[in-house]
Amino acid sequence: MTENGNEWDYCDIKFQLRHKGEDPTRAGLKHMWLVFKANAAGANKNYLAGESSEIPIAANIMGASFVPQKNNASHLNIHQNLLNKLQNEGWERLPEKGSAWWETRLRRPASSRKSAFGWLKGSRNKSK
């Protein structure tokens, strides 16, 4: 995506719940894992820019909805750790946010993303 003549990649942090089976020690509960993901799009197509560590949560099988809680230190920590990792990789936090506390938007120059071979875009040595 172009802004002021620069190519940018943008990423948005969302959360995901991963289901890993029923908890045999707690009737009616499933093993669920919370993870934050930074999904990116831009000149380098769509890709996963980063992912937090997973933390276990208990979720009711009967369909109770779950969202990350701002007053939960574990939720805040894995979110902040992902933000720190992204910022160390050249992502800058943007002022616009989603409606939920974890929905964070970042950007970085498109040339900052390494290819699958580890080269920076446009920096590969060419033989003469």
N, C-alpha and C. Protein backbone atom coordinates (compact mmCIF):
# COMPACT_ATOMS: atom_id res chain seq x y z
N MET A 1 0.84 -1.17 0.00
CA MET A 1 0.00 0.00 0.00
C MET A 1 0.89 1.24 0.00
N THR A 2 0.48 2.23 -0.75
CA THR A 2 1.31 3.42 -0.90
C THR A 2 0.76 4.58 -0.09
N GLU A 3 1.65 5.27 0.61
CA GLU A 3 1.30 6.48 1.34
C GLU A 3 2.48 7.43 1.22
N ASN A 4 2.24 8.63 0.68
CA ASN A 4 3.29 9.62 0.47
C ASN A 4 4.46 9.06 -0.34
N GLY A 5 4.16 8.24 -1.33
CA GLY A 5 5.20 7.68 -2.18
C GLY A 5 5.94 6.50 -1.58
N ASN A 6 5.63 6.11 -0.36
CA ASN A 6 6.28 4.97 0.29
C ASN A 6 5.37 3.75 0.24
N GLU A 7 5.97 2.60 0.06
CA GLU A 7 5.23 1.34 0.13
C GLU A 7 5.24 0.86 1.58
N TRP A 8 4.07 0.54 2.11
CA TRP A 8 3.94 0.10 3.50
C TRP A 8 3.24 -1.23 3.56
N ASP A 9 3.62 -2.02 4.54
CA ASP A 9 2.84 -3.18 4.95
C ASP A 9 2.13 -2.76 6.23
N TYR A 10 0.90 -3.20 6.39
CA TYR A 10 0.12 -2.91 7.59
C TYR A 10 -0.26 -4.21 8.25
N CYS A 11 -0.29 -4.21 9.58
CA CYS A 11 -0.75 -5.41 10.28
C CYS A 11 -1.72 -5.02 11.38
N ASP A 12 -2.62 -5.93 11.66
CA ASP A 12 -3.64 -5.75 12.68
C ASP A 12 -3.56 -6.93 13.64
N ILE A 13 -3.61 -6.62 14.93
CA ILE A 13 -3.58 -7.67 15.94
C ILE A 13 -5.01 -8.07 16.29
N LYS A 14 -5.26 -9.36 16.20
CA LYS A 14 -6.55 -9.96 16.55
C LYS A 14 -6.27 -11.12 17.50
N PHE A 15 -7.31 -11.64 18.12
CA PHE A 15 -7.10 -12.81 18.97
C PHE A 15 -7.75 -14.03 18.33
N GLN A 16 -7.26 -15.19 18.74
CA GLN A 16 -7.81 -16.46 18.28
C GLN A 16 -7.85 -17.41 19.46
N LEU A 17 -8.89 -18.22 19.51
CA LEU A 17 -8.98 -19.30 20.48
C LEU A 17 -8.69 -20.60 19.76
N ARG A 18 -7.85 -21.41 20.33
CA ARG A 18 -7.53 -22.72 19.77
C ARG A 18 -8.11 -23.78 20.70
N HIS A 19 -8.79 -24.73 20.12
CA HIS A 19 -9.44 -25.80 20.88
C HIS A 19 -8.52 -27.02 20.85
N LYS A 20 -8.25 -27.57 22.03
CA LYS A 20 -7.38 -28.75 22.10
C LYS A 20 -8.03 -29.88 22.87
N GLY A 21 -9.34 -30.02 22.77
CA GLY A 21 -10.02 -31.15 23.40
C GLY A 21 -10.64 -30.80 24.73
N GLU A 22 -11.49 -31.70 25.22
CA GLU A 22 -12.17 -31.47 26.49
C GLU A 22 -11.24 -31.69 27.66
N ASP A 23 -11.47 -30.95 28.72
CA ASP A 23 -10.69 -31.07 29.95
C ASP A 23 -11.30 -32.18 30.80
N PRO A 24 -10.62 -33.30 30.95
CA PRO A 24 -11.20 -34.42 31.71
C PRO A 24 -11.36 -34.12 33.19
N THR A 25 -10.68 -33.12 33.70
CA THR A 25 -10.77 -32.81 35.13
C THR A 25 -11.89 -31.84 35.46
N ARG A 26 -12.51 -31.25 34.44
CA ARG A 26 -13.56 -30.26 34.69
C ARG A 26 -14.73 -30.51 33.75
N ALA A 27 -15.81 -31.02 34.29
CA ALA A 27 -16.99 -31.33 33.47
C ALA A 27 -17.51 -30.06 32.79
N GLY A 28 -17.81 -30.19 31.51
CA GLY A 28 -18.39 -29.06 30.78
C GLY A 28 -17.39 -28.03 30.29
N LEU A 29 -16.11 -28.27 30.49
CA LEU A 29 -15.11 -27.30 30.03
C LEU A 29 -14.23 -27.91 28.95
N LYS A 30 -13.73 -27.06 28.07
CA LYS A 30 -12.80 -27.49 27.04
C LYS A 30 -11.44 -26.90 27.34
N HIS A 31 -10.40 -27.57 26.83
CA HIS A 31 -9.07 -26.96 26.83
C HIS A 31 -9.06 -25.95 25.70
N MET A 32 -8.91 -24.71 26.02
CA MET A 32 -8.83 -23.66 25.01
C MET A 32 -7.56 -22.87 25.26
N TRP A 33 -7.01 -22.33 24.19
CA TRP A 33 -5.78 -21.56 24.27
C TRP A 33 -5.99 -20.22 23.59
N LEU A 34 -5.57 -19.17 24.25
CA LEU A 34 -5.65 -17.82 23.71
C LEU A 34 -4.32 -17.47 23.05
N VAL A 35 -4.39 -16.92 21.85
CA VAL A 35 -3.19 -16.45 21.15
C VAL A 35 -3.57 -15.17 20.40
N PHE A 36 -2.66 -14.21 20.37
CA PHE A 36 -2.84 -13.00 19.56
C PHE A 36 -2.03 -13.18 18.28
N LYS A 37 -2.62 -12.77 17.15
CA LYS A 37 -1.95 -12.88 15.85
C LYS A 37 -1.89 -11.51 15.20
N ALA A 38 -0.77 -11.25 14.54
CA ALA A 38 -0.60 -10.02 13.77
C ALA A 38 -0.63 -10.40 12.29
N ASN A 39 -1.77 -10.19 11.67
CA ASN A 39 -1.94 -10.50 10.25
C ASN A 39 -1.60 -9.26 9.43
N ALA A 40 -0.71 -9.44 8.47
CA ALA A 40 -0.20 -8.31 7.69
C ALA A 40 -0.64 -8.40 6.23
N ALA A 41 -0.72 -7.22 5.60
CA ALA A 41 -1.03 -7.12 4.18
C ALA A 41 -0.32 -5.90 3.62
N GLY A 42 -0.01 -5.97 2.35
CA GLY A 42 0.63 -4.83 1.70
C GLY A 42 1.32 -5.26 0.43
N ALA A 43 2.39 -4.59 0.12
CA ALA A 43 3.13 -4.86 -1.12
C ALA A 43 3.66 -6.28 -1.15
N ASN A 44 3.88 -6.88 0.00
CA ASN A 44 4.41 -8.25 0.08
C ASN A 44 3.30 -9.29 0.24
N LYS A 45 2.11 -8.99 -0.21
CA LYS A 45 0.96 -9.89 -0.11
C LYS A 45 0.48 -9.98 1.34
N ASN A 46 -0.28 -11.03 1.63
CA ASN A 46 -0.78 -11.27 2.98
C ASN A 46 0.11 -12.28 3.68
N TYR A 47 0.42 -12.03 4.94
CA TYR A 47 1.27 -12.96 5.68
C TYR A 47 1.06 -12.76 7.18
N LEU A 48 1.53 -13.72 7.95
CA LEU A 48 1.48 -13.64 9.40
C LEU A 48 2.75 -12.94 9.86
N ALA A 49 2.61 -11.73 10.40
CA ALA A 49 3.77 -10.95 10.84
C ALA A 49 4.28 -11.42 12.20
N GLY A 50 3.41 -11.99 13.00
CA GLY A 50 3.83 -12.46 14.32
C GLY A 50 2.68 -13.11 15.06
N GLU A 51 3.05 -13.79 16.11
CA GLU A 51 2.08 -14.51 16.92
C GLU A 51 2.57 -14.53 18.36
N SER A 52 1.66 -14.33 19.29
CA SER A 52 2.04 -14.39 20.71
C SER A 52 2.20 -15.84 21.14
N SER A 53 2.70 -16.02 22.34
CA SER A 53 2.68 -17.35 22.93
C SER A 53 1.23 -17.67 23.28
N GLU A 54 0.93 -18.95 23.46
CA GLU A 54 -0.42 -19.37 23.84
C GLU A 54 -0.52 -19.45 25.35
N ILE A 55 -1.70 -19.11 25.85
CA ILE A 55 -1.96 -19.33 27.28
C ILE A 55 -3.28 -20.09 27.40
N PRO A 56 -3.36 -21.01 28.36
CA PRO A 56 -4.59 -21.79 28.52
C PRO A 56 -5.70 -20.95 29.16
N ILE A 57 -6.91 -21.24 28.71
CA ILE A 57 -8.09 -20.65 29.35
C ILE A 57 -9.11 -21.76 29.47
N ALA A 58 -10.09 -21.60 30.33
CA ALA A 58 -11.18 -22.56 30.45
C ALA A 58 -12.41 -21.92 29.82
N ALA A 59 -13.06 -22.65 28.93
CA ALA A 59 -14.25 -22.13 28.26
C ALA A 59 -15.39 -23.13 28.42
N ASN A 60 -16.56 -22.63 28.69
CA ASN A 60 -17.73 -23.47 28.87
C ASN A 60 -18.17 -24.04 27.53
N ILE A 61 -18.43 -25.34 27.49
CA ILE A 61 -18.86 -25.99 26.25
C ILE A 61 -20.21 -25.44 25.79
N MET A 62 -21.01 -24.98 26.69
CA MET A 62 -22.36 -24.56 26.34
C MET A 62 -22.40 -23.24 25.57
N GLY A 63 -21.28 -22.79 25.06
CA GLY A 63 -21.29 -21.65 24.15
C GLY A 63 -21.04 -20.30 24.77
N ALA A 64 -20.52 -20.26 25.95
CA ALA A 64 -20.19 -18.96 26.54
C ALA A 64 -19.16 -18.28 25.65
N SER A 65 -19.35 -17.01 25.39
CA SER A 65 -18.38 -16.30 24.55
C SER A 65 -17.20 -15.86 25.40
N PHE A 66 -16.07 -15.73 24.76
CA PHE A 66 -14.85 -15.34 25.45
C PHE A 66 -14.17 -14.26 24.66
N VAL A 67 -13.69 -13.24 25.36
CA VAL A 67 -12.81 -12.23 24.77
C VAL A 67 -11.69 -11.97 25.76
N PRO A 68 -10.51 -11.60 25.28
CA PRO A 68 -9.41 -11.28 26.19
C PRO A 68 -9.81 -10.14 27.13
N GLN A 69 -9.37 -10.26 28.37
CA GLN A 69 -9.73 -9.28 29.39
C GLN A 69 -8.57 -8.33 29.67
N LYS A 70 -8.87 -7.04 29.68
CA LYS A 70 -7.84 -6.03 29.92
C LYS A 70 -7.33 -6.08 31.36
N ASN A 71 -8.13 -6.60 32.27
CA ASN A 71 -7.71 -6.69 33.67
C ASN A 71 -7.02 -8.02 33.99
N ASN A 72 -6.73 -8.83 32.97
CA ASN A 72 -6.04 -10.10 33.16
C ASN A 72 -4.57 -9.91 32.78
N ALA A 73 -3.68 -10.04 33.76
CA ALA A 73 -2.25 -9.79 33.53
C ALA A 73 -1.67 -10.71 32.45
N SER A 74 -2.10 -11.97 32.40
CA SER A 74 -1.58 -12.89 31.39
C SER A 74 -1.97 -12.45 29.98
N HIS A 75 -3.21 -12.01 29.82
CA HIS A 75 -3.67 -11.53 28.51
C HIS A 75 -2.87 -10.29 28.10
N LEU A 76 -2.71 -9.37 29.03
CA LEU A 76 -1.94 -8.15 28.73
C LEU A 76 -0.49 -8.47 28.40
N ASN A 77 0.11 -9.40 29.13
CA ASN A 77 1.53 -9.73 28.92
C ASN A 77 1.80 -10.33 27.55
N ILE A 78 0.98 -11.30 27.12
CA ILE A 78 1.27 -11.91 25.82
C ILE A 78 0.99 -10.92 24.69
N HIS A 79 0.02 -10.03 24.88
CA HIS A 79 -0.25 -8.99 23.88
C HIS A 79 0.93 -8.03 23.80
N GLN A 80 1.42 -7.57 24.95
CA GLN A 80 2.55 -6.63 24.98
C GLN A 80 3.82 -7.28 24.43
N ASN A 81 4.04 -8.55 24.74
CA ASN A 81 5.21 -9.25 24.20
C ASN A 81 5.17 -9.31 22.68
N LEU A 82 3.98 -9.53 22.11
CA LEU A 82 3.85 -9.54 20.65
C LEU A 82 4.13 -8.14 20.09
N LEU A 83 3.58 -7.11 20.73
CA LEU A 83 3.84 -5.73 20.29
C LEU A 83 5.34 -5.42 20.32
N ASN A 84 6.00 -5.80 21.40
CA ASN A 84 7.45 -5.56 21.52
C ASN A 84 8.22 -6.27 20.40
N LYS A 85 7.86 -7.52 20.12
CA LYS A 85 8.52 -8.28 19.06
C LYS A 85 8.34 -7.59 17.71
N LEU A 86 7.11 -7.16 17.43
CA LEU A 86 6.84 -6.49 16.15
C LEU A 86 7.61 -5.18 16.04
N GLN A 87 7.63 -4.39 17.12
CA GLN A 87 8.36 -3.12 17.09
C GLN A 87 9.86 -3.35 16.92
N ASN A 88 10.39 -4.41 17.50
CA ASN A 88 11.81 -4.75 17.30
C ASN A 88 12.10 -5.16 15.86
N GLU A 89 11.08 -5.60 15.14
CA GLU A 89 11.23 -5.99 13.74
C GLU A 89 10.91 -4.84 12.78
N GLY A 90 10.77 -3.63 13.33
CA GLY A 90 10.57 -2.46 12.48
C GLY A 90 9.14 -1.98 12.31
N TRP A 91 8.20 -2.62 12.96
CA TRP A 91 6.81 -2.17 12.89
C TRP A 91 6.62 -0.97 13.81
N GLU A 92 5.85 0.01 13.35
CA GLU A 92 5.52 1.17 14.20
C GLU A 92 4.02 1.17 14.47
N ARG A 93 3.71 1.46 15.71
CA ARG A 93 2.32 1.46 16.15
C ARG A 93 1.63 2.70 15.60
N LEU A 94 0.41 2.53 15.10
CA LEU A 94 -0.37 3.64 14.56
C LEU A 94 -1.44 4.05 15.56
N PRO A 95 -1.88 5.30 15.49
CA PRO A 95 -2.86 5.77 16.47
C PRO A 95 -4.23 5.11 16.32
N GLU A 96 -4.60 4.70 15.10
CA GLU A 96 -5.92 4.10 14.95
C GLU A 96 -5.95 2.71 15.56
N LYS A 97 -7.07 2.41 16.20
CA LYS A 97 -7.26 1.13 16.87
C LYS A 97 -8.64 0.62 16.53
N GLY A 98 -8.83 -0.65 16.80
CA GLY A 98 -10.16 -1.23 16.67
C GLY A 98 -10.99 -0.89 17.90
N SER A 99 -12.16 -1.46 17.98
CA SER A 99 -13.05 -1.16 19.10
C SER A 99 -12.63 -1.86 20.39
N ALA A 100 -11.87 -2.93 20.30
CA ALA A 100 -11.43 -3.67 21.49
C ALA A 100 -9.99 -3.29 21.85
N TRP A 101 -9.62 -3.44 23.10
CA TRP A 101 -8.31 -2.98 23.58
C TRP A 101 -7.15 -3.66 22.86
N TRP A 102 -7.30 -4.91 22.43
CA TRP A 102 -6.19 -5.65 21.82
C TRP A 102 -6.04 -5.35 20.32
N GLU A 103 -7.04 -4.74 19.70
CA GLU A 103 -7.01 -4.48 18.26
C GLU A 103 -6.09 -3.31 17.95
N THR A 104 -4.86 -3.64 17.65
CA THR A 104 -3.80 -2.65 17.42
C THR A 104 -3.39 -2.70 15.96
N ARG A 105 -3.10 -1.54 15.37
CA ARG A 105 -2.67 -1.46 13.97
C ARG A 105 -1.25 -0.93 13.93
N LEU A 106 -0.43 -1.58 13.08
CA LEU A 106 0.97 -1.19 12.92
C LEU A 106 1.31 -1.13 11.44
N ARG A 107 2.46 -0.49 11.13
CA ARG A 107 2.95 -0.48 9.75
C ARG A 107 4.47 -0.50 9.76
N ARG A 108 5.03 -0.87 8.60
CA ARG A 108 6.47 -0.78 8.39
C ARG A 108 6.71 -0.70 6.88
N PRO A 109 7.86 -0.18 6.50
CA PRO A 109 8.16 -0.13 5.07
C PRO A 109 8.13 -1.53 4.47
N ALA A 110 7.56 -1.63 3.29
CA ALA A 110 7.41 -2.94 2.64
C ALA A 110 8.75 -3.63 2.45
N SER A 111 9.82 -2.89 2.24
CA SER A 111 11.13 -3.50 1.99
C SER A 111 11.73 -4.13 3.24
N SER A 112 11.10 -3.96 4.40
CA SER A 112 11.63 -4.53 5.64
C SER A 112 11.38 -6.02 5.77
N ARG A 113 10.47 -6.56 5.00
CA ARG A 113 10.14 -7.97 5.15
C ARG A 113 11.16 -8.83 4.42
N LYS A 114 11.67 -9.81 5.12
CA LYS A 114 12.61 -10.75 4.50
C LYS A 114 11.85 -11.76 3.66
N SER A 115 12.46 -12.16 2.57
CA SER A 115 11.86 -13.20 1.74
C SER A 115 12.08 -14.55 2.41
N ALA A 116 11.55 -15.57 1.80
CA ALA A 116 11.72 -16.92 2.33
C ALA A 116 13.18 -17.33 2.36
N PHE A 117 14.03 -16.67 1.56
CA PHE A 117 15.45 -16.99 1.51
C PHE A 117 16.27 -16.12 2.44
N GLY A 118 15.62 -15.21 3.18
CA GLY A 118 16.33 -14.38 4.14
C GLY A 118 16.87 -13.08 3.58
N TRP A 119 16.63 -12.81 2.29
CA TRP A 119 17.11 -11.56 1.71
C TRP A 119 16.09 -10.47 1.95
N LEU A 120 16.55 -9.26 2.12
CA LEU A 120 15.64 -8.13 2.14
C LEU A 120 15.23 -7.84 0.71
N LYS A 121 14.00 -7.40 0.55
CA LYS A 121 13.50 -7.09 -0.78
C LYS A 121 14.44 -6.11 -1.48
N GLY A 122 14.88 -6.48 -2.66
CA GLY A 122 15.73 -5.59 -3.45
C GLY A 122 17.19 -5.60 -3.06
N SER A 123 17.60 -6.43 -2.08
CA SER A 123 18.99 -6.38 -1.63
C SER A 123 19.79 -7.62 -2.04
N ARG A 124 19.20 -8.52 -2.79
CA ARG A 124 19.89 -9.74 -3.18
C ARG A 124 21.06 -9.41 -4.10
N ASN A 125 22.21 -10.03 -3.82
CA ASN A 125 23.39 -9.83 -4.68
C ASN A 125 23.15 -10.52 -6.02
N LYS A 126 23.42 -9.80 -7.08
CA LYS A 126 23.25 -10.36 -8.42
C LYS A 126 24.61 -10.58 -9.04
N SER A 127 24.78 -11.72 -9.69
CA SER A 127 26.06 -12.02 -10.37
C SER A 127 26.15 -11.21 -11.64
N LYS A 128 27.37 -10.80 -11.96
CA LYS A 128 27.58 -10.04 -13.20
C LYS A 128 28.06 -10.95 -14.28
